[in-house]
C-alpha cells in the first residue's frame, strides 16, 4: 500500500477525498499528484497540493452542483456525474501544452 503524501495534511481539508476511478484522473504536472475531490449537494471541486495553503489552491476546478442542475432542468436527466473529472483532465492538458 502506497503511503499518503504528507503535503495533503497541510494543503487540503479532510473532507476532500481521493476520487473514484483514481487511475482515470491526470496528475498535476507541478506537484505530480492526482487531485482530491469534494462532492456535496451544492458543489463539486477538485484540487492538487499546489498553492499557498488549504484555503488557496493554485490548480482547482469546479463542476456544476447537482442541486443547481436539478433546479434548472427539473430533474436528473442529463446530469453529468463525470463532469468534474473531465474538467480536471482538460485543465491539466491545457497546463501541459
N, C-alpha and C. Protein backbone atom coordinates (compact mmCIF):
# COMPACT_ATOMS: atom_id res chain seq x y z
N UNK A 1 0.83 -1.18 0.00
CA UNK A 1 0.00 0.00 0.00
C UNK A 1 0.88 1.25 0.00
N UNK A 2 0.56 2.18 -0.87
CA UNK A 2 1.36 3.40 -1.01
C UNK A 2 1.07 4.35 0.16
N UNK A 3 2.11 4.89 0.74
CA UNK A 3 1.96 5.83 1.84
C UNK A 3 1.46 7.17 1.30
N UNK A 4 0.55 7.81 2.02
CA UNK A 4 -0.02 9.08 1.59
C UNK A 4 1.04 10.18 1.61
N UNK A 5 0.99 11.04 0.60
CA UNK A 5 1.92 12.15 0.51
C UNK A 5 1.63 13.13 1.66
N UNK A 6 2.63 13.50 2.46
CA UNK A 6 2.40 14.37 3.62
C UNK A 6 1.92 15.77 3.27
N UNK A 7 2.08 16.20 2.03
CA UNK A 7 1.62 17.54 1.65
C UNK A 7 0.11 17.67 1.79
N UNK A 8 -0.63 16.56 1.66
CA UNK A 8 -2.09 16.64 1.78
C UNK A 8 -2.50 17.13 3.15
N UNK A 9 -1.75 16.82 4.16
CA UNK A 9 -2.10 17.22 5.53
C UNK A 9 -2.21 18.74 5.66
N UNK A 10 -1.38 19.45 4.94
CA UNK A 10 -1.34 20.91 5.05
C UNK A 10 -2.07 21.63 3.93
N UNK A 11 -2.36 20.94 2.86
CA UNK A 11 -2.91 21.60 1.68
C UNK A 11 -4.36 21.24 1.38
N UNK A 12 -5.01 20.48 2.24
CA UNK A 12 -6.39 20.09 1.94
C UNK A 12 -7.15 19.76 3.23
N UNK A 13 -8.42 20.09 3.24
CA UNK A 13 -9.27 19.71 4.35
C UNK A 13 -9.57 18.22 4.27
N UNK A 14 -9.92 17.62 5.39
CA UNK A 14 -10.15 16.17 5.43
C UNK A 14 -11.38 15.73 4.65
N UNK A 15 -12.30 16.64 4.35
CA UNK A 15 -13.48 16.24 3.58
C UNK A 15 -13.18 16.07 2.10
N UNK A 16 -12.00 16.50 1.63
CA UNK A 16 -11.57 16.20 0.27
C UNK A 16 -11.02 14.78 0.28
N UNK A 17 -11.50 13.95 -0.63
CA UNK A 17 -11.13 12.53 -0.68
C UNK A 17 -10.49 12.18 -2.02
N UNK A 18 -9.84 11.03 -2.07
CA UNK A 18 -9.34 10.54 -3.35
C UNK A 18 -10.54 10.25 -4.23
N UNK A 19 -10.46 10.56 -5.51
CA UNK A 19 -11.60 10.32 -6.40
C UNK A 19 -11.78 8.83 -6.70
N UNK A 20 -13.03 8.48 -7.03
CA UNK A 20 -13.27 7.13 -7.52
C UNK A 20 -12.57 7.01 -8.87
N UNK A 21 -12.22 5.82 -9.25
CA UNK A 21 -11.52 5.60 -10.53
C UNK A 21 -10.30 6.50 -10.64
N UNK A 22 -9.51 6.51 -9.59
CA UNK A 22 -8.34 7.39 -9.49
C UNK A 22 -7.42 7.30 -10.72
N UNK A 23 -7.36 6.12 -11.32
CA UNK A 23 -6.48 5.92 -12.46
C UNK A 23 -6.95 6.70 -13.70
N UNK A 24 -8.18 7.19 -13.70
CA UNK A 24 -8.70 7.95 -14.85
C UNK A 24 -8.46 9.45 -14.71
N UNK A 25 -7.89 9.88 -13.60
CA UNK A 25 -7.60 11.30 -13.37
C UNK A 25 -6.13 11.57 -13.68
N UNK A 26 -5.84 12.70 -14.31
CA UNK A 26 -4.47 13.06 -14.64
C UNK A 26 -3.76 13.67 -13.44
N UNK A 27 -2.45 13.48 -13.39
CA UNK A 27 -1.63 14.10 -12.35
C UNK A 27 -1.33 15.55 -12.69
N UNK A 28 -1.22 16.37 -11.66
CA UNK A 28 -0.78 17.75 -11.85
C UNK A 28 0.68 17.71 -12.29
N UNK A 29 1.05 18.48 -13.32
CA UNK A 29 2.44 18.45 -13.77
C UNK A 29 3.42 19.11 -12.79
N UNK A 30 2.91 19.91 -11.87
CA UNK A 30 3.79 20.58 -10.90
C UNK A 30 4.05 19.74 -9.66
N UNK A 31 2.99 19.29 -8.98
CA UNK A 31 3.18 18.53 -7.74
C UNK A 31 3.23 17.03 -7.99
N UNK A 32 2.85 16.62 -9.21
CA UNK A 32 2.86 15.22 -9.63
C UNK A 32 1.91 14.35 -8.81
N UNK A 33 0.80 14.96 -8.34
CA UNK A 33 -0.21 14.21 -7.61
C UNK A 33 -1.55 14.31 -8.33
N UNK A 34 -2.36 13.29 -8.14
CA UNK A 34 -3.73 13.35 -8.64
C UNK A 34 -4.54 14.15 -7.63
N UNK A 35 -5.63 14.76 -8.07
CA UNK A 35 -6.36 15.65 -7.17
C UNK A 35 -7.15 14.93 -6.09
N UNK A 36 -7.58 15.70 -5.15
CA UNK A 36 -8.57 15.28 -4.16
C UNK A 36 -9.88 15.95 -4.57
N UNK A 37 -10.99 15.32 -4.26
CA UNK A 37 -12.29 15.86 -4.67
C UNK A 37 -13.22 16.01 -3.47
N UNK A 38 -14.15 16.94 -3.63
CA UNK A 38 -15.19 17.16 -2.64
C UNK A 38 -16.49 17.31 -3.40
N UNK A 39 -17.40 16.39 -3.18
CA UNK A 39 -18.69 16.43 -3.86
C UNK A 39 -19.79 16.47 -2.80
N UNK A 40 -20.67 17.45 -2.92
CA UNK A 40 -21.74 17.63 -1.96
C UNK A 40 -22.93 18.25 -2.69
N UNK A 41 -24.05 18.45 -2.00
CA UNK A 41 -25.29 18.92 -2.63
C UNK A 41 -25.12 20.16 -3.50
N UNK A 42 -24.40 21.14 -3.02
CA UNK A 42 -24.32 22.39 -3.78
C UNK A 42 -22.91 22.70 -4.27
N UNK A 43 -22.15 21.67 -4.57
CA UNK A 43 -20.84 21.91 -5.15
C UNK A 43 -20.04 20.65 -5.41
N UNK A 44 -19.10 20.78 -6.33
CA UNK A 44 -18.12 19.73 -6.62
C UNK A 44 -16.83 20.42 -6.99
N UNK A 45 -15.75 20.05 -6.35
CA UNK A 45 -14.46 20.67 -6.69
C UNK A 45 -13.34 19.66 -6.55
N UNK A 46 -12.25 19.96 -7.24
CA UNK A 46 -11.05 19.12 -7.20
C UNK A 46 -9.84 20.03 -7.18
N UNK A 47 -8.82 19.64 -6.43
CA UNK A 47 -7.58 20.41 -6.40
C UNK A 47 -6.41 19.51 -6.06
N UNK A 48 -5.22 20.01 -6.37
CA UNK A 48 -3.99 19.30 -6.02
C UNK A 48 -3.36 20.03 -4.84
N UNK A 49 -2.10 19.78 -4.55
CA UNK A 49 -1.46 20.43 -3.41
C UNK A 49 -0.68 21.68 -3.78
N UNK A 50 -0.71 22.08 -5.02
CA UNK A 50 -0.06 23.33 -5.41
C UNK A 50 -0.86 24.50 -4.84
N UNK A 51 -0.21 25.44 -4.30
CA UNK A 51 -0.88 26.60 -3.74
C UNK A 51 -0.21 27.06 -2.47
N UNK A 52 -0.87 27.99 -1.79
CA UNK A 52 -0.29 28.57 -0.58
C UNK A 52 -0.63 27.78 0.68
N UNK A 53 -1.89 27.32 0.77
CA UNK A 53 -2.35 26.61 1.96
C UNK A 53 -3.66 25.89 1.64
N UNK A 54 -4.32 25.38 2.65
CA UNK A 54 -5.55 24.61 2.40
C UNK A 54 -6.70 25.49 1.92
N UNK A 55 -6.56 26.80 1.97
CA UNK A 55 -7.60 27.72 1.51
C UNK A 55 -7.36 28.24 0.09
N UNK A 56 -6.11 28.28 -0.32
CA UNK A 56 -5.73 28.88 -1.59
C UNK A 56 -5.02 27.85 -2.46
N UNK A 57 -5.74 27.37 -3.49
CA UNK A 57 -5.18 26.34 -4.37
C UNK A 57 -4.82 26.96 -5.71
N UNK A 58 -3.66 26.62 -6.18
CA UNK A 58 -3.22 27.14 -7.47
C UNK A 58 -3.98 26.47 -8.62
N UNK A 59 -4.21 25.18 -8.48
CA UNK A 59 -4.91 24.41 -9.52
C UNK A 59 -6.17 23.81 -8.91
N UNK A 60 -7.31 24.36 -9.29
CA UNK A 60 -8.59 23.89 -8.78
C UNK A 60 -9.63 24.04 -9.87
N UNK A 61 -10.51 23.06 -9.96
CA UNK A 61 -11.63 23.13 -10.91
C UNK A 61 -12.92 22.83 -10.15
N UNK A 62 -14.00 23.35 -10.70
CA UNK A 62 -15.32 23.13 -10.12
C UNK A 62 -16.27 22.64 -11.20
N UNK A 63 -17.25 21.85 -10.79
CA UNK A 63 -18.27 21.36 -11.70
C UNK A 63 -19.63 21.79 -11.18
N UNK A 64 -20.60 21.77 -12.07
CA UNK A 64 -21.96 22.18 -11.71
C UNK A 64 -22.50 21.30 -10.59
N UNK A 65 -22.99 21.92 -9.52
CA UNK A 65 -23.57 21.15 -8.42
C UNK A 65 -24.85 20.45 -8.86
N UNK A 66 -25.11 19.31 -8.28
CA UNK A 66 -26.27 18.51 -8.66
C UNK A 66 -27.58 19.27 -8.40
N UNK A 67 -27.66 19.98 -7.28
CA UNK A 67 -28.90 20.68 -6.97
C UNK A 67 -29.14 21.86 -7.93
N UNK A 68 -28.09 22.51 -8.37
CA UNK A 68 -28.24 23.58 -9.37
C UNK A 68 -28.79 23.01 -10.67
N UNK A 69 -28.26 21.86 -11.06
CA UNK A 69 -28.73 21.20 -12.28
C UNK A 69 -30.21 20.82 -12.15
N UNK A 70 -30.58 20.24 -11.02
CA UNK A 70 -31.97 19.82 -10.81
C UNK A 70 -32.91 21.02 -10.84
N UNK A 71 -32.52 22.10 -10.19
CA UNK A 71 -33.37 23.31 -10.19
C UNK A 71 -33.55 23.88 -11.58
N UNK A 72 -32.49 23.85 -12.39
CA UNK A 72 -32.56 24.40 -13.75
C UNK A 72 -33.37 23.53 -14.69
N UNK A 73 -33.22 22.21 -14.55
CA UNK A 73 -33.82 21.29 -15.52
C UNK A 73 -35.07 20.59 -15.01
N UNK A 74 -35.27 20.61 -13.70
CA UNK A 74 -36.43 19.94 -13.13
C UNK A 74 -36.23 18.46 -12.88
N UNK A 75 -35.01 17.98 -13.04
CA UNK A 75 -34.73 16.56 -12.80
C UNK A 75 -33.27 16.22 -12.98
N UNK A 76 -32.99 14.95 -12.93
CA UNK A 76 -31.60 14.47 -13.02
C UNK A 76 -31.21 14.05 -14.43
N UNK A 77 -32.17 13.97 -15.34
CA UNK A 77 -31.90 13.50 -16.70
C UNK A 77 -30.90 14.43 -17.39
N UNK A 78 -29.77 13.88 -17.79
CA UNK A 78 -28.73 14.64 -18.47
C UNK A 78 -27.61 15.12 -17.57
N UNK A 79 -27.73 14.87 -16.28
CA UNK A 79 -26.69 15.29 -15.33
C UNK A 79 -25.42 14.48 -15.58
N UNK A 80 -24.31 15.17 -15.71
CA UNK A 80 -23.03 14.51 -15.98
C UNK A 80 -22.27 14.32 -14.67
N UNK A 81 -22.37 13.13 -14.11
CA UNK A 81 -21.69 12.86 -12.84
C UNK A 81 -20.17 12.79 -13.01
N UNK A 82 -19.69 12.74 -14.23
CA UNK A 82 -18.25 12.66 -14.52
C UNK A 82 -17.68 14.03 -14.95
N UNK A 83 -18.48 15.08 -14.84
CA UNK A 83 -18.05 16.40 -15.29
C UNK A 83 -16.80 16.90 -14.57
N UNK A 84 -16.70 16.66 -13.27
CA UNK A 84 -15.55 17.15 -12.52
C UNK A 84 -14.25 16.53 -13.03
N UNK A 85 -14.25 15.22 -13.26
CA UNK A 85 -13.05 14.55 -13.78
C UNK A 85 -12.70 15.07 -15.17
N UNK A 86 -13.70 15.24 -16.01
CA UNK A 86 -13.45 15.75 -17.36
C UNK A 86 -12.85 17.14 -17.33
N UNK A 87 -13.39 17.99 -16.46
CA UNK A 87 -12.86 19.36 -16.34
C UNK A 87 -11.43 19.35 -15.80
N UNK A 88 -11.16 18.51 -14.82
CA UNK A 88 -9.81 18.42 -14.26
C UNK A 88 -8.83 17.96 -15.35
N UNK A 89 -9.17 16.88 -16.03
CA UNK A 89 -8.27 16.36 -17.06
C UNK A 89 -8.04 17.37 -18.17
N UNK A 90 -9.08 18.07 -18.59
CA UNK A 90 -8.93 19.09 -19.62
C UNK A 90 -8.04 20.23 -19.12
N UNK A 91 -8.24 20.65 -17.89
CA UNK A 91 -7.42 21.70 -17.30
C UNK A 91 -5.94 21.30 -17.29
N UNK A 92 -5.66 20.07 -16.90
CA UNK A 92 -4.27 19.58 -16.84
C UNK A 92 -3.68 19.50 -18.26
N UNK A 93 -4.47 19.07 -19.23
CA UNK A 93 -3.98 19.01 -20.61
C UNK A 93 -3.62 20.41 -21.12
N UNK A 94 -4.41 21.41 -20.78
CA UNK A 94 -4.11 22.78 -21.18
C UNK A 94 -2.85 23.28 -20.47
N UNK A 95 -2.68 22.92 -19.20
CA UNK A 95 -1.48 23.32 -18.45
C UNK A 95 -0.20 22.77 -19.07
N UNK A 96 -0.27 21.57 -19.62
CA UNK A 96 0.93 20.91 -20.11
C UNK A 96 1.24 21.21 -21.56
N UNK A 97 0.42 22.03 -22.20
CA UNK A 97 0.70 22.38 -23.61
C UNK A 97 1.86 23.33 -23.71
